Amino acid sequence: MRDEETDGFRGWREATEESLYGPSGFYRRPEGPAGHFRTSVHASPLFAHAVARLLCRVDAALDRPAPLAFVDMAAGRGELVTAVLAALPAEVASRARGYAVERAARPAGLDHRIEWLAEPPKGVTGLLFANEWLDNVPLEVAEVDSEGVARVVLVRRDGTERLGEPVAGAEAEWLRKWWPLSCEGERAEIGLPRDAAWASAVASLGRGLAVAVDYAHVVGARPPFGTLTGFREGRETVPVPDGSCDITAHVALDACALPGGRVETQRNALRALGVSGARPALALASTDPTAYVRALASAGAAAELTAPGGLGDFGWLLQPVGIPDGLAGDLLVDVPDHEEQ
């Protein structure tokens, strides 16, 4: 038996799994994720309306199937699926069926029409949407030692780290392809579990579109010291795998992408779905002050969702399943990445 198995040290993947999803894990807490951090879902109703608009486009591309599924991965307390179903036009809503995929228990008071599942449903037709799911899929962390060898980072429950065995096998191959390391002290999060989780989620769809939205980076621009961090009560903190905080790391979405997938910024994706941070015309303030105030508030919320350096920099990985290329290309219209005037 290795030393690290007897003195409390283990890989970050195992430690995070227990810390987040174990019997007393962070995501089992009654307050849910919204009690500790604010996602796009919580930032503004505009986000759910944009996702509902995307679901309508998928519906049209699939020739209006019945039933039409909306699958909310890592559903938290069901906030997104509830808001998306409520935002649908009546004709689409009459055929829509909501699925919330989450490890935590079903919250009290959730609409009885929403099915609560531990795994995505198999063979459904529609839109699978994973907002900030992959960043919480546990993975191993690697660090380069003084001899230039990438080793697995081991961690104790109190957050103390040390280096373990050299990275080997499929994990070493993933690093070579997607996140090459060379200099002492460089770190990487080995994304294999996320690639597999995403492939499995996409495979659950019979036809439709799968979308992963997350903090992201791409090969050639990976952060040299990794992105592993913690969040507690709305603030970033040192990641400690004791169940007291969220543990997250940005996602190599380019590595997750399957053939036919494409990555957009949230800024471009939401603009293509009608979310704009443009201020309303000043003339409206004199003709209809109430409408002007509402439009100004909506523009402010849209600006937060699409802001460079913030939520607007999130990556959207779009993966069509059984949708012809011509129709898939129309689901999001390409929008130039420039500032609103």
C-alpha atoms as a PDB file:
ATOM      1  CA  MET A   1       0.000   0.000   0.000  1.00  0.00           C
ATOM      2  CA  ARG A   2       1.353   3.405  -1.005  1.00  0.00           C
ATOM      3  CA  ASP A   3       2.116   6.068   1.590  1.00  0.00           C
ATOM      4  CA  GLU A   4      -0.431   8.460   0.120  1.00  0.00           C
ATOM      5  CA  GLU A   5      -3.160   5.916   0.863  1.00  0.00           C
ATOM      6  CA  THR A   6      -2.315   5.802   4.556  1.00  0.00           C
ATOM      7  CA  ASP A   7      -1.602   9.415   5.510  1.00  0.00           C
ATOM      8  CA  GLY A   8      -4.689  11.147   4.147  1.00  0.00           C
ATOM      9  CA  PHE A   9      -3.278  12.242   0.797  1.00  0.00           C
ATOM     10  CA  ARG A  10      -5.215  11.365  -2.357  1.00  0.00           C
ATOM     11  CA  GLY A  11      -5.763  12.759  -5.846  1.00  0.00           C
ATOM     12  CA  TRP A  12      -7.867  15.863  -6.343  1.00  0.00           C
ATOM     13  CA  ARG A  13     -10.454  13.889  -8.314  1.00  0.00           C
ATOM     14  CA  GLU A  14     -11.339  11.577  -5.431  1.00  0.00           C
ATOM     15  CA  ALA A  15     -11.091  14.357  -2.855  1.00  0.00           C
ATOM     16  CA  THR A  16     -13.385  16.659  -4.865  1.00  0.00           C
ATOM     17  CA  GLU A  17     -15.919  13.906  -5.513  1.00  0.00           C
ATOM     18  CA  GLU A  18     -16.388  13.336  -1.787  1.00  0.00           C
ATOM     19  CA  SER A  19     -16.208  17.020  -0.888  1.00  0.00           C
ATOM     20  CA  LEU A  20     -18.890  18.082  -3.377  1.00  0.00           C
ATOM     21  CA  TYR A  21     -21.131  15.058  -3.732  1.00  0.00           C
ATOM     22  CA  GLY A  22     -20.562  12.867  -0.672  1.00  0.00           C
ATOM     23  CA  PRO A  23     -23.252  12.400   2.002  1.00  0.00           C
ATOM     24  CA  SER A  24     -22.297  15.696   3.681  1.00  0.00           C
ATOM     25  CA  GLY A  25     -20.892  17.312   0.546  1.00  0.00           C
ATOM     26  CA  PHE A  26     -21.174  20.928  -0.498  1.00  0.00           C
ATOM     27  CA  TYR A  27     -23.912  20.272  -3.078  1.00  0.00           C
ATOM     28  CA  ARG A  28     -26.077  18.438  -0.551  1.00  0.00           C
ATOM     29  CA  ARG A  29     -26.599  21.632   1.441  1.00  0.00           C
ATOM     30  CA  PRO A  30     -30.181  22.925   1.598  1.00  0.00           C
ATOM     31  CA  GLU A  31     -29.320  26.417   0.310  1.00  0.00           C
ATOM     32  CA  GLY A  32     -28.105  25.013  -3.004  1.00  0.00           C
ATOM     33  CA  PRO A  33     -25.532  26.592  -5.331  1.00  0.00           C
ATOM     34  CA  ALA A  34     -27.379  29.927  -5.408  1.00  0.00           C
ATOM     35  CA  GLY A  35     -26.512  30.376  -1.732  1.00  0.00           C
ATOM     36  CA  HIS A  36     -22.825  30.613  -2.587  1.00  0.00           C
ATOM     37  CA  PHE A  37     -22.350  31.941  -6.115  1.00  0.00           C
ATOM     38  CA  ARG A  38     -24.248  33.731  -8.866  1.00  0.00           C
ATOM     39  CA  THR A  39     -24.493  32.144 -12.302  1.00  0.00           C
ATOM     40  CA  SER A  40     -26.010  33.593 -15.476  1.00  0.00           C
ATOM     41  CA  VAL A  41     -29.259  31.865 -14.489  1.00  0.00           C
ATOM     42  CA  HIS A  42     -29.431  33.919 -11.299  1.00  0.00           C
ATOM     43  CA  ALA A  43     -28.125  37.139 -12.861  1.00  0.00           C
ATOM     44  CA  SER A  44     -31.164  37.887 -15.013  1.00  0.00           C
ATOM     45  CA  PRO A  45     -34.371  36.345 -16.432  1.00  0.00           C
ATOM     46  CA  LEU A  46     -32.982  37.334 -19.838  1.00  0.00           C
ATOM     47  CA  PHE A  47     -30.749  34.262 -19.758  1.00  0.00           C
ATOM     48  CA  ALA A  48     -33.639  31.824 -19.425  1.00  0.00           C
ATOM     49  CA  HIS A  49     -35.562  33.694 -22.137  1.00  0.00           C
ATOM     50  CA  ALA A  50     -32.570  33.336 -24.478  1.00  0.00           C
ATOM     51  CA  VAL A  51     -32.356  29.598 -23.737  1.00  0.00           C
ATOM     52  CA  ALA A  52     -36.108  29.309 -24.390  1.00  0.00           C
ATOM     53  CA  ARG A  53     -35.563  31.041 -27.728  1.00  0.00           C
ATOM     54  CA  LEU A  54     -32.823  28.527 -28.550  1.00  0.00           C
ATOM     55  CA  LEU A  55     -35.166  25.669 -27.619  1.00  0.00           C
ATOM     56  CA  CYS A  56     -37.739  27.100 -30.049  1.00  0.00           C
ATOM     57  CA  ARG A  57     -35.117  27.154 -32.812  1.00  0.00           C
ATOM     58  CA  VAL A  58     -34.219  23.540 -32.065  1.00  0.00           C
ATOM     59  CA  ASP A  59     -37.927  22.708 -32.123  1.00  0.00           C
ATOM     60  CA  ALA A  60     -38.283  24.221 -35.598  1.00  0.00           C
ATOM     61  CA  ALA A  61     -35.129  22.485 -36.877  1.00  0.00           C
ATOM     62  CA  LEU A  62     -36.536  19.148 -35.693  1.00  0.00           C
ATOM     63  CA  ASP A  63     -39.930  19.823 -37.337  1.00  0.00           C
ATOM     64  CA  ARG A  64     -41.752  20.387 -34.040  1.00  0.00           C
ATOM     65  CA  PRO A  65     -41.575  17.007 -32.314  1.00  0.00           C
ATOM     66  CA  ALA A  66     -43.908  15.853 -29.563  1.00  0.00           C
ATOM     67  CA  PRO A  67     -42.744  15.627 -26.881  1.00  0.00           C
ATOM     68  CA  LEU A  68     -39.997  18.259 -27.003  1.00  0.00           C
ATOM     69  CA  ALA A  69     -37.450  17.785 -24.220  1.00  0.00           C
ATOM     70  CA  PHE A  70     -35.545  20.405 -22.275  1.00  0.00           C
ATOM     71  CA  VAL A  71     -32.848  18.716 -20.172  1.00  0.00           C
ATOM     72  CA  ASP A  72     -31.241  20.930 -17.508  1.00  0.00           C
ATOM     73  CA  MET A  73     -27.911  19.385 -16.482  1.00  0.00           C
ATOM     74  CA  ALA A  74     -26.675  20.217 -12.955  1.00  0.00           C
ATOM     75  CA  ALA A  75     -30.053  21.800 -12.351  1.00  0.00           C
ATOM     76  CA  GLY A  76     -29.308  23.168  -8.869  1.00  0.00           C
ATOM     77  CA  ARG A  77     -32.777  23.750  -7.466  1.00  0.00           C
ATOM     78  CA  GLY A  78     -34.490  23.718 -10.870  1.00  0.00           C
ATOM     79  CA  GLU A  79     -34.294  27.467 -11.479  1.00  0.00           C
ATOM     80  CA  LEU A  80     -33.385  27.306 -15.180  1.00  0.00           C
ATOM     81  CA  VAL A  81     -35.744  24.545 -16.299  1.00  0.00           C
ATOM     82  CA  THR A  82     -38.622  26.243 -14.470  1.00  0.00           C
ATOM     83  CA  ALA A  83     -37.923  29.617 -16.088  1.00  0.00           C
ATOM     84  CA  VAL A  84     -37.360  28.182 -19.583  1.00  0.00           C
ATOM     85  CA  LEU A  85     -40.641  26.269 -19.597  1.00  0.00           C
ATOM     86  CA  ALA A  86     -42.471  29.374 -18.360  1.00  0.00           C
ATOM     87  CA  ALA A  87     -40.951  31.491 -21.166  1.00  0.00           C
ATOM     88  CA  LEU A  88     -42.029  29.231 -24.037  1.00  0.00           C
ATOM     89  CA  PRO A  89     -44.847  30.229 -26.412  1.00  0.00           C
ATOM     90  CA  ALA A  90     -48.058  28.333 -25.665  1.00  0.00           C
ATOM     91  CA  GLU A  91     -47.839  26.091 -28.736  1.00  0.00           C
ATOM     92  CA  VAL A  92     -44.313  24.966 -27.855  1.00  0.00           C
ATOM     93  CA  ALA A  93     -45.034  24.738 -24.123  1.00  0.00           C
ATOM     94  CA  SER A  94     -47.894  22.342 -24.797  1.00  0.00           C
ATOM     95  CA  ARG A  95     -45.410  19.830 -26.243  1.00  0.00           C
ATOM     96  CA  ALA A  96     -42.463  20.561 -23.943  1.00  0.00           C
ATOM     97  CA  ARG A  97     -41.292  18.296 -21.165  1.00  0.00           C
ATOM     98  CA  GLY A  98     -38.723  19.381 -18.578  1.00  0.00           C
ATOM     99  CA  TYR A  99     -36.021  17.235 -17.013  1.00  0.00           C
ATOM    100  CA  ALA A 100     -33.819  18.389 -14.129  1.00  0.00           C
ATOM    101  CA  VAL A 101     -30.623  16.341 -13.767  1.00  0.00           C
ATOM    102  CA  GLU A 102     -29.067  16.768 -10.335  1.00  0.00           C
ATOM    103  CA  ARG A 103     -27.473  14.634  -7.598  1.00  0.00           C
ATOM    104  CA  ALA A 104     -29.104  16.539  -4.756  1.00  0.00           C
ATOM    105  CA  ALA A 105     -32.645  15.738  -3.630  1.00  0.00           C
ATOM    106  CA  ARG A 106     -35.643  17.206  -5.443  1.00  0.00           C
ATOM    107  CA  PRO A 107     -36.546  20.563  -3.865  1.00  0.00           C
ATOM    108  CA  ALA A 108     -39.954  21.017  -2.288  1.00  0.00           C
ATOM    109  CA  GLY A 109     -42.439  22.933  -4.385  1.00  0.00           C
ATOM    110  CA  LEU A 110     -40.881  22.218  -7.775  1.00  0.00           C
ATOM    111  CA  ASP A 111     -43.431  22.031 -10.595  1.00  0.00           C
ATOM    112  CA  HIS A 112     -44.705  18.449 -10.699  1.00  0.00           C
ATOM    113  CA  ARG A 113     -44.370  18.457 -14.511  1.00  0.00           C
ATOM    114  CA  ILE A 114     -40.569  18.594 -14.203  1.00  0.00           C
ATOM    115  CA  GLU A 115     -38.984  15.174 -13.875  1.00  0.00           C
ATOM    116  CA  TRP A 116     -36.088  15.020 -11.375  1.00  0.00           C
ATOM    117  CA  LEU A 117     -33.321  12.602 -12.388  1.00  0.00           C
ATOM    118  CA  ALA A 118     -29.821  11.589 -11.340  1.00  0.00           C
ATOM    119  CA  GLU A 119     -28.820  10.949 -14.978  1.00  0.00           C
ATOM    120  CA  PRO A 120     -30.007  12.497 -18.255  1.00  0.00           C
ATOM    121  CA  PRO A 121     -32.946  10.705 -19.888  1.00  0.00           C
ATOM    122  CA  LYS A 122     -32.074   8.419 -22.807  1.00  0.00           C
ATOM    123  CA  GLY A 123     -33.174   8.966 -26.379  1.00  0.00           C
ATOM    124  CA  VAL A 124     -35.125  12.208 -25.933  1.00  0.00           C
ATOM    125  CA  THR A 125     -35.521  14.832 -28.652  1.00  0.00           C
ATOM    126  CA  GLY A 126     -34.802  18.464 -27.913  1.00  0.00           C
ATOM    127  CA  LEU A 127     -32.218  20.607 -26.097  1.00  0.00           C
ATOM    128  CA  LEU A 128     -29.790  19.445 -23.417  1.00  0.00           C
ATOM    129  CA  PHE A 129     -28.330  22.468 -21.620  1.00  0.00           C
ATOM    130  CA  ALA A 130     -25.424  22.203 -19.166  1.00  0.00           C
ATOM    131  CA  ASN A 131     -24.822  25.565 -17.503  1.00  0.00           C
ATOM    132  CA  GLU A 132     -21.723  25.441 -15.261  1.00  0.00           C
ATOM    133  CA  TRP A 133     -21.819  21.666 -14.971  1.00  0.00           C
ATOM    134  CA  LEU A 134     -18.486  20.548 -16.415  1.00  0.00           C
ATOM    135  CA  ASP A 135     -16.436  22.860 -14.172  1.00  0.00           C
ATOM    136  CA  ASN A 136     -17.667  20.777 -11.220  1.00  0.00           C
ATOM    137  CA  VAL A 137     -16.858  17.385 -12.743  1.00  0.00           C
ATOM    138  CA  PRO A 138     -13.919  16.275 -10.547  1.00  0.00           C
ATOM    139  CA  LEU A 139     -10.536  15.699 -12.182  1.00  0.00           C
ATOM    140  CA  GLU A 140      -6.893  15.139 -11.365  1.00  0.00           C
ATOM    141  CA  VAL A 141      -4.388  17.971 -11.168  1.00  0.00           C
ATOM    142  CA  ALA A 142      -0.832  17.656 -12.505  1.00  0.00           C
ATOM    143  CA  GLU A 143       2.263  19.688 -11.640  1.00  0.00           C
ATOM    144  CA  VAL A 144       5.786  19.633 -13.090  1.00  0.00           C
ATOM    145  CA  ASP A 145       8.512  18.787 -10.578  1.00  0.00           C
ATOM    146  CA  SER A 146      12.123  20.009 -10.453  1.00  0.00           C
ATOM    147  CA  GLU A 147      13.171  17.315 -12.936  1.00  0.00           C
ATOM    148  CA  GLY A 148      10.582  18.314 -15.532  1.00  0.00           C
ATOM    149  CA  VAL A 149       8.253  15.394 -14.784  1.00  0.00           C
ATOM    150  CA  ALA A 150       4.484  15.976 -14.628  1.00  0.00           C
ATOM    151  CA  ARG A 151       3.211  14.372 -11.427  1.00  0.00           C
ATOM    152  CA  VAL A 152      -0.257  13.882  -9.958  1.00  0.00           C
ATOM    153  CA  VAL A 153      -0.990  16.440  -7.215  1.00  0.00           C
ATOM    154  CA  LEU A 154      -2.185  14.816  -3.987  1.00  0.00           C
ATOM    155  CA  VAL A 155      -4.218  16.670  -1.365  1.00  0.00           C
ATOM    156  CA  ARG A 156      -5.389  16.186   2.211  1.00  0.00           C
ATOM    157  CA  ARG A 157      -8.766  17.179   3.626  1.00  0.00           C
ATOM    158  CA  ASP A 158      -7.220  20.388   5.033  1.00  0.00           C
ATOM    159  CA  GLY A 159      -5.971  21.427   1.583  1.00  0.00           C
ATOM    160  CA  THR A 160      -2.295  20.534   2.088  1.00  0.00           C
ATOM    161  CA  GLU A 161      -0.760  19.298  -1.160  1.00  0.00           C
ATOM    162  CA  ARG A 162       2.209  17.228  -2.253  1.00  0.00           C
ATOM    163  CA  LEU A 163       3.312  15.601  -5.492  1.00  0.00           C
ATOM    164  CA  GLY A 164       2.602  11.937  -6.138  1.00  0.00           C
ATOM    165  CA  GLU A 165       3.441   9.559  -8.950  1.00  0.00           C
ATOM    166  CA  PRO A 166       4.190  10.643 -12.536  1.00  0.00           C
ATOM    167  CA  VAL A 167       1.147  11.126 -14.752  1.00  0.00           C
ATOM    168  CA  ALA A 168       0.869   8.045 -16.987  1.00  0.00           C
ATOM    169  CA  GLY A 169      -1.305   6.306 -19.552  1.00  0.00           C
ATOM    170  CA  ALA A 170      -4.341   8.052 -21.027  1.00  0.00           C
ATOM    171  CA  GLU A 171      -3.918  11.025 -18.666  1.00  0.00           C
ATOM    172  CA  ALA A 172      -0.357  11.609 -19.886  1.00  0.00           C
ATOM    173  CA  GLU A 173      -1.553  11.369 -23.488  1.00  0.00           C
ATOM    174  CA  TRP A 174      -4.314  13.900 -22.782  1.00  0.00           C
ATOM    175  CA  LEU A 175      -1.758  16.321 -21.352  1.00  0.00           C
ATOM    176  CA  ARG A 176       0.501  15.948 -24.380  1.00  0.00           C
ATOM    177  CA  LYS A 177      -2.358  16.688 -26.761  1.00  0.00           C
ATOM    178  CA  TRP A 178      -4.401  19.265 -24.912  1.00  0.00           C
ATOM    179  CA  TRP A 179      -2.307  20.876 -22.172  1.00  0.00           C
ATOM    180  CA  PRO A 180       1.466  20.386 -22.655  1.00  0.00           C
ATOM    181  CA  LEU A 181       3.581  21.118 -19.560  1.00  0.00           C
ATOM    182  CA  SER A 182       7.319  21.744 -19.492  1.00  0.00           C
ATOM    183  CA  CYS A 183       8.520  24.135 -16.775  1.00  0.00           C
ATOM    184  CA  GLU A 184       8.810  23.412 -13.059  1.00  0.00           C
ATOM    185  CA  GLY A 185       5.742  24.558 -11.171  1.00  0.00           C
ATOM    186  CA  GLU A 186       3.410  24.556 -14.171  1.00  0.00           C
ATOM    187  CA  ARG A 187       0.041  22.968 -13.405  1.00  0.00           C
ATOM    188  CA  ALA A 188      -2.845  21.576 -15.407  1.00  0.00           C
ATOM    189  CA  GLU A 189      -6.239  20.058 -14.753  1.00  0.00           C
ATOM    190  CA  ILE A 190      -6.493  16.766 -16.669  1.00  0.00           C
ATOM    191  CA  GLY A 191      -9.823  16.993 -18.474  1.00  0.00           C
ATOM    192  CA  LEU A 192     -10.426  13.333 -19.345  1.00  0.00           C
ATOM    193  CA  PRO A 193     -13.387  12.889 -16.930  1.00  0.00           C
ATOM    194  CA  ARG A 194     -15.054  15.959 -18.390  1.00  0.00           C
ATOM    195  CA  ASP A 195     -14.542  14.771 -21.959  1.00  0.00           C
ATOM    196  CA  ALA A 196     -16.164  11.462 -21.002  1.00  0.00           C
ATOM    197  CA  ALA A 197     -19.015  13.127 -19.073  1.00  0.00           C
ATOM    198  CA  TRP A 198     -19.812  15.402 -22.000  1.00  0.00           C
ATOM    199  CA  ALA A 199     -19.680  12.555 -24.536  1.00  0.00           C
ATOM    200  CA  SER A 200     -22.090  10.555 -22.356  1.00  0.00           C
ATOM    201  CA  ALA A 201     -24.510  13.488 -22.032  1.00  0.00           C
ATOM    202  CA  VAL A 202     -24.484  14.088 -25.799  1.00  0.00           C
ATOM    203  CA  ALA A 203     -25.055  10.369 -26.418  1.00  0.00           C
ATOM    204  CA  SER A 204     -28.210  10.516 -24.292  1.00  0.00           C
ATOM    205  CA  LEU A 205     -29.904  12.676 -26.926  1.00  0.00           C
ATOM    206  CA  GLY A 206     -31.817  10.944 -29.690  1.00  0.00           C
ATOM    207  CA  ARG A 207     -31.930  14.144 -31.771  1.00  0.00           C
ATOM    208  CA  GLY A 208     -31.386  17.765 -30.950  1.00  0.00           C
ATOM    209  CA  LEU A 209     -28.703  20.058 -29.586  1.00  0.00           C
ATOM    210  CA  ALA A 210     -26.434  19.742 -26.556  1.00  0.00           C
ATOM    211  CA  VAL A 211     -24.929  22.933 -25.124  1.00  0.00           C
ATOM    212  CA  ALA A 212     -22.259  23.242 -22.423  1.00  0.00           C
ATOM    213  CA  VAL A 213     -21.759  26.725 -20.956  1.00  0.00           C
ATOM    214  CA  ASP A 214     -18.768  27.288 -18.699  1.00  0.00           C
ATOM    215  CA  TYR A 215     -15.597  29.117 -17.775  1.00  0.00           C
ATOM    216  CA  ALA A 216     -13.314  27.962 -20.573  1.00  0.00           C
ATOM    217  CA  HIS A 217      -9.879  28.086 -22.169  1.00  0.00           C
ATOM    218  CA  VAL A 218      -8.400  26.638 -25.354  1.00  0.00           C
ATOM    219  CA  VAL A 219      -5.142  24.943 -26.306  1.00  0.00           C
ATOM    220  CA  GLY A 220      -2.382  27.472 -26.909  1.00  0.00           C
ATOM    221  CA  ALA A 221      -3.831  29.785 -24.260  1.00  0.00           C
ATOM    222  CA  ARG A 222      -4.072  27.555 -21.195  1.00  0.00           C
ATOM    223  CA  PRO A 223      -3.348  29.241 -17.842  1.00  0.00           C
ATOM    224  CA  PRO A 224       0.183  28.167 -16.832  1.00  0.00           C
ATOM    225  CA  PHE A 225      -0.701  27.408 -13.206  1.00  0.00           C
ATOM    226  CA  GLY A 226      -4.175  25.979 -13.709  1.00  0.00           C
ATOM    227  CA  THR A 227      -7.498  27.351 -12.509  1.00  0.00           C
ATOM    228  CA  LEU A 228      -8.489  25.192  -9.521  1.00  0.00           C
ATOM    229  CA  THR A 229     -10.255  27.368  -6.962  1.00  0.00           C
ATOM    230  CA  GLY A 230     -13.009  27.455  -4.355  1.00  0.00           C
ATOM    231  CA  PHE A 231     -16.141  29.539  -3.734  1.00  0.00           C
ATOM    232  CA  ARG A 232     -17.962  30.117  -0.484  1.00  0.00           C
ATOM    233  CA  GLU A 233     -20.778  32.601   0.260  1.00  0.00           C
ATOM    234  CA  GLY A 234     -20.205  34.525  -2.948  1.00  0.00           C
ATOM    235  CA  ARG A 235     -16.436  34.869  -2.606  1.00  0.00           C
ATOM    236  CA  GLU A 236     -13.502  33.083  -4.162  1.00  0.00           C
ATOM    237  CA  THR A 237     -11.461  31.136  -1.642  1.00  0.00           C
ATOM    238  CA  VAL A 238      -8.686  28.577  -1.384  1.00  0.00           C
ATOM    239  CA  PRO A 239     -10.011  25.181  -2.536  1.00  0.00           C
ATOM    240  CA  VAL A 240     -10.179  22.893   0.486  1.00  0.00           C
ATOM    241  CA  PRO A 241     -11.824  19.476  -0.029  1.00  0.00           C
ATOM    242  CA  ASP A 242     -13.661  19.292   3.287  1.00  0.00           C
ATOM    243  CA  GLY A 243     -17.200  20.021   2.067  1.00  0.00           C
ATOM    244  CA  SER A 244     -17.115  23.658   3.167  1.00  0.00           C
ATOM    245  CA  CYS A 245     -16.782  25.241  -0.282  1.00  0.00           C
ATOM    246  CA  ASP A 246     -17.394  24.711  -3.965  1.00  0.00           C
ATOM    247  CA  ILE A 247     -14.376  23.356  -5.850  1.00  0.00           C
ATOM    248  CA  THR A 248     -14.206  24.298  -9.506  1.00  0.00           C
ATOM    249  CA  ALA A 249     -11.788  24.584 -12.415  1.00  0.00           C
ATOM    250  CA  HIS A 250     -12.223  26.101 -15.858  1.00  0.00           C
ATOM    251  CA  VAL A 251     -13.051  23.740 -18.715  1.00  0.00           C
ATOM    252  CA  ALA A 252     -10.991  22.808 -21.791  1.00  0.00           C
ATOM    253  CA  LEU A 253     -14.085  22.960 -24.004  1.00  0.00           C
ATOM    254  CA  ASP A 254     -12.042  22.387 -27.154  1.00  0.00           C
ATOM    255  CA  ALA A 255     -10.960  19.024 -25.759  1.00  0.00           C
ATOM    256  CA  CYS A 256     -14.563  18.131 -24.862  1.00  0.00           C
ATOM    257  CA  ALA A 257     -15.912  18.942 -28.334  1.00  0.00           C
ATOM    258  CA  LEU A 258     -17.026  16.019 -30.477  1.00  0.00           C
ATOM    259  CA  PRO A 259     -17.020  16.066 -34.305  1.00  0.00           C
ATOM    260  CA  GLY A 260     -19.366  18.790 -35.510  1.00  0.00           C
ATOM    261  CA  GLY A 261     -19.165  20.769 -32.262  1.00  0.00           C
ATOM    262  CA  ARG A 262     -18.300  24.440 -32.140  1.00  0.00           C
ATOM    263  CA  VAL A 263     -17.322  26.850 -29.377  1.00  0.00           C
ATOM    264  CA  GLU A 264     -18.688  30.411 -29.161  1.00  0.00           C
ATOM    265  CA  THR A 265     -18.394  33.065 -26.480  1.00  0.00           C
ATOM    266  CA  GLN A 266     -21.479  33.707 -24.389  1.00  0.00           C
ATOM    267  CA  ARG A 267     -21.276  37.276 -25.615  1.00  0.00           C
ATOM    268  CA  ASN A 268     -21.820  36.189 -29.220  1.00  0.00           C
ATOM    269  CA  ALA A 269     -24.282  33.410 -28.410  1.00  0.00           C
ATOM    270  CA  LEU A 270     -26.609  35.617 -26.372  1.00  0.00           C
ATOM    271  CA  ARG A 271     -26.490  38.402 -28.924  1.00  0.00           C
ATOM    272  CA  ALA A 272     -27.514  35.882 -31.579  1.00  0.00           C
ATOM    273  CA  LEU A 273     -30.427  34.964 -29.306  1.00  0.00           C
ATOM    274  CA  GLY A 274     -31.589  38.555 -28.946  1.00  0.00           C
ATOM    275  CA  VAL A 275     -29.889  39.648 -25.722  1.00  0.00           C
ATOM    276  CA  SER A 276     -28.371  43.089 -26.264  1.00  0.00           C
ATOM    277  CA  GLY A 277     -26.793  45.547 -23.867  1.00  0.00           C
ATOM    278  CA  ALA A 278     -27.678  48.512 -26.080  1.00  0.00           C
ATOM    279  CA  ARG A 279     -29.255  51.426 -24.208  1.00  0.00           C
ATOM    280  CA  PRO A 280     -32.808  52.407 -25.225  1.00  0.00           C
ATOM    281  CA  ALA A 281     -33.309  55.541 -27.294  1.00  0.00           C
ATOM    282  CA  LEU A 282     -33.303  58.616 -25.057  1.00  0.00           C
ATOM    283  CA  ALA A 283     -36.437  59.889 -26.802  1.00  0.00           C
ATOM    284  CA  LEU A 284     -38.382  57.079 -25.106  1.00  0.00           C
ATOM    285  CA  ALA A 285     -37.720  58.746 -21.741  1.00  0.00           C
ATOM    286  CA  SER A 286     -39.934  61.676 -22.683  1.00  0.00           C
ATOM    287  CA  THR A 287     -42.658  59.745 -24.529  1.00  0.00           C
ATOM    288  CA  ASP A 288     -42.940  56.777 -22.138  1.00  0.00           C
ATOM    289  CA  PRO A 289     -40.792  57.154 -18.995  1.00  0.00           C
ATOM    290  CA  THR A 290     -41.941  53.856 -17.486  1.00  0.00           C
ATOM    291  CA  ALA A 291     -41.027  51.900 -20.621  1.00  0.00           C
ATOM    292  CA  TYR A 292     -37.683  53.698 -20.730  1.00  0.00           C
ATOM    293  CA  VAL A 293     -36.844  52.665 -17.157  1.00  0.00           C
ATOM    294  CA  ARG A 294     -37.796  49.041 -17.917  1.00  0.00           C
ATOM    295  CA  ALA A 295     -35.724  49.032 -21.102  1.00  0.00           C
ATOM    296  CA  LEU A 296     -32.770  50.588 -19.283  1.00  0.00           C
ATOM    297  CA  ALA A 297     -32.913  47.921 -16.562  1.00  0.00           C
ATOM    298  CA  SER A 298     -33.088  45.190 -19.208  1.00  0.00           C
ATOM    299  CA  ALA A 299     -30.082  46.668 -21.028  1.00  0.00           C
ATOM    300  CA  GLY A 300     -28.121  46.694 -17.777  1.00  0.00           C
ATOM    301  CA  ALA A 301     -28.900  43.032 -17.131  1.00  0.00           C
ATOM    302  CA  ALA A 302     -27.991  42.150 -20.719  1.00  0.00           C
ATOM    303  CA  ALA A 303     -24.724  44.026 -20.384  1.00  0.00           C
ATOM    304  CA  GLU A 304     -23.802  41.931 -17.336  1.00  0.00           C
ATOM    305  CA  LEU A 305     -24.542  38.679 -19.181  1.00  0.00           C
ATOM    306  CA  THR A 306     -22.428  39.689 -22.182  1.00  0.00           C
ATOM    307  CA  ALA A 307     -19.661  41.714 -20.487  1.00  0.00           C
ATOM    308  CA  PRO A 308     -16.056  41.142 -21.647  1.00  0.00           C
ATOM    309  CA  GLY A 309     -13.935  39.971 -18.732  1.00  0.00           C
ATOM    310  CA  GLY A 310     -17.045  38.577 -17.062  1.00  0.00           C
ATOM    311  CA  LEU A 311     -19.965  36.350 -17.978  1.00  0.00           C
ATOM    312  CA  GLY A 312     -19.652  37.317 -21.641  1.00  0.00           C
ATOM    313  CA  ASP A 313     -16.346  35.437 -21.852  1.00  0.00           C
ATOM    314  CA  PHE A 314     -17.912  32.102 -20.915  1.00  0.00           C
ATOM    315  CA  GLY A 315     -17.638  29.481 -23.611  1.00  0.00           C
ATOM    316  CA  TRP A 316     -20.668  27.866 -25.268  1.00  0.00           C
ATOM    317  CA  LEU A 317     -19.953  24.431 -26.760  1.00  0.00           C
ATOM    318  CA  LEU A 318     -22.740  23.581 -29.206  1.00  0.00           C
ATOM    319  CA  GLN A 319     -23.072  19.967 -30.308  1.00  0.00           C
ATOM    320  CA  PRO A 320     -25.830  19.128 -32.850  1.00  0.00           C
ATOM    321  CA  VAL A 321     -27.196  15.582 -32.783  1.00  0.00           C
ATOM    322  CA  GLY A 322     -29.132  14.392 -35.827  1.00  0.00           C
ATOM    323  CA  ILE A 323     -29.696  17.907 -37.143  1.00  0.00           C
ATOM    324  CA  PRO A 324     -28.593  18.536 -40.773  1.00  0.00           C
ATOM    325  CA  ASP A 325     -25.589  20.834 -41.061  1.00  0.00           C
ATOM    326  CA  GLY A 326     -27.566  23.550 -42.841  1.00  0.00           C
ATOM    327  CA  LEU A 327     -30.192  23.728 -40.118  1.00  0.00           C
ATOM    328  CA  ALA A 328     -27.651  23.381 -37.305  1.00  0.00           C
ATOM    329  CA  GLY A 329     -25.814  26.439 -38.625  1.00  0.00           C
ATOM    330  CA  ASP A 330     -28.980  28.514 -38.241  1.00  0.00           C
ATOM    331  CA  LEU A 331     -29.413  27.771 -34.544  1.00  0.00           C
ATOM    332  CA  LEU A 332     -26.950  30.534 -33.724  1.00  0.00           C
ATOM    333  CA  VAL A 333     -26.275  33.296 -36.179  1.00  0.00           C
ATOM    334  CA  ASP A 334     -22.642  34.454 -36.151  1.00  0.00           C
ATOM    335  CA  VAL A 335     -22.360  37.885 -34.553  1.00  0.00           C
ATOM    336  CA  PRO A 336     -19.211  40.086 -34.718  1.00  0.00           C
ATOM    337  CA  ASP A 337     -17.504  40.443 -31.340  1.00  0.00           C
ATOM    338  CA  HIS A 338     -17.516  44.205 -30.883  1.00  0.00           C
ATOM    339  CA  GLU A 339     -18.756  46.711 -28.325  1.00  0.00           C
ATOM    340  CA  GLU A 340     -22.358  47.897 -28.429  1.00  0.00           C
ATOM    341  CA  GLN A 341     -22.583  51.463 -29.586  1.00  0.00           C
END
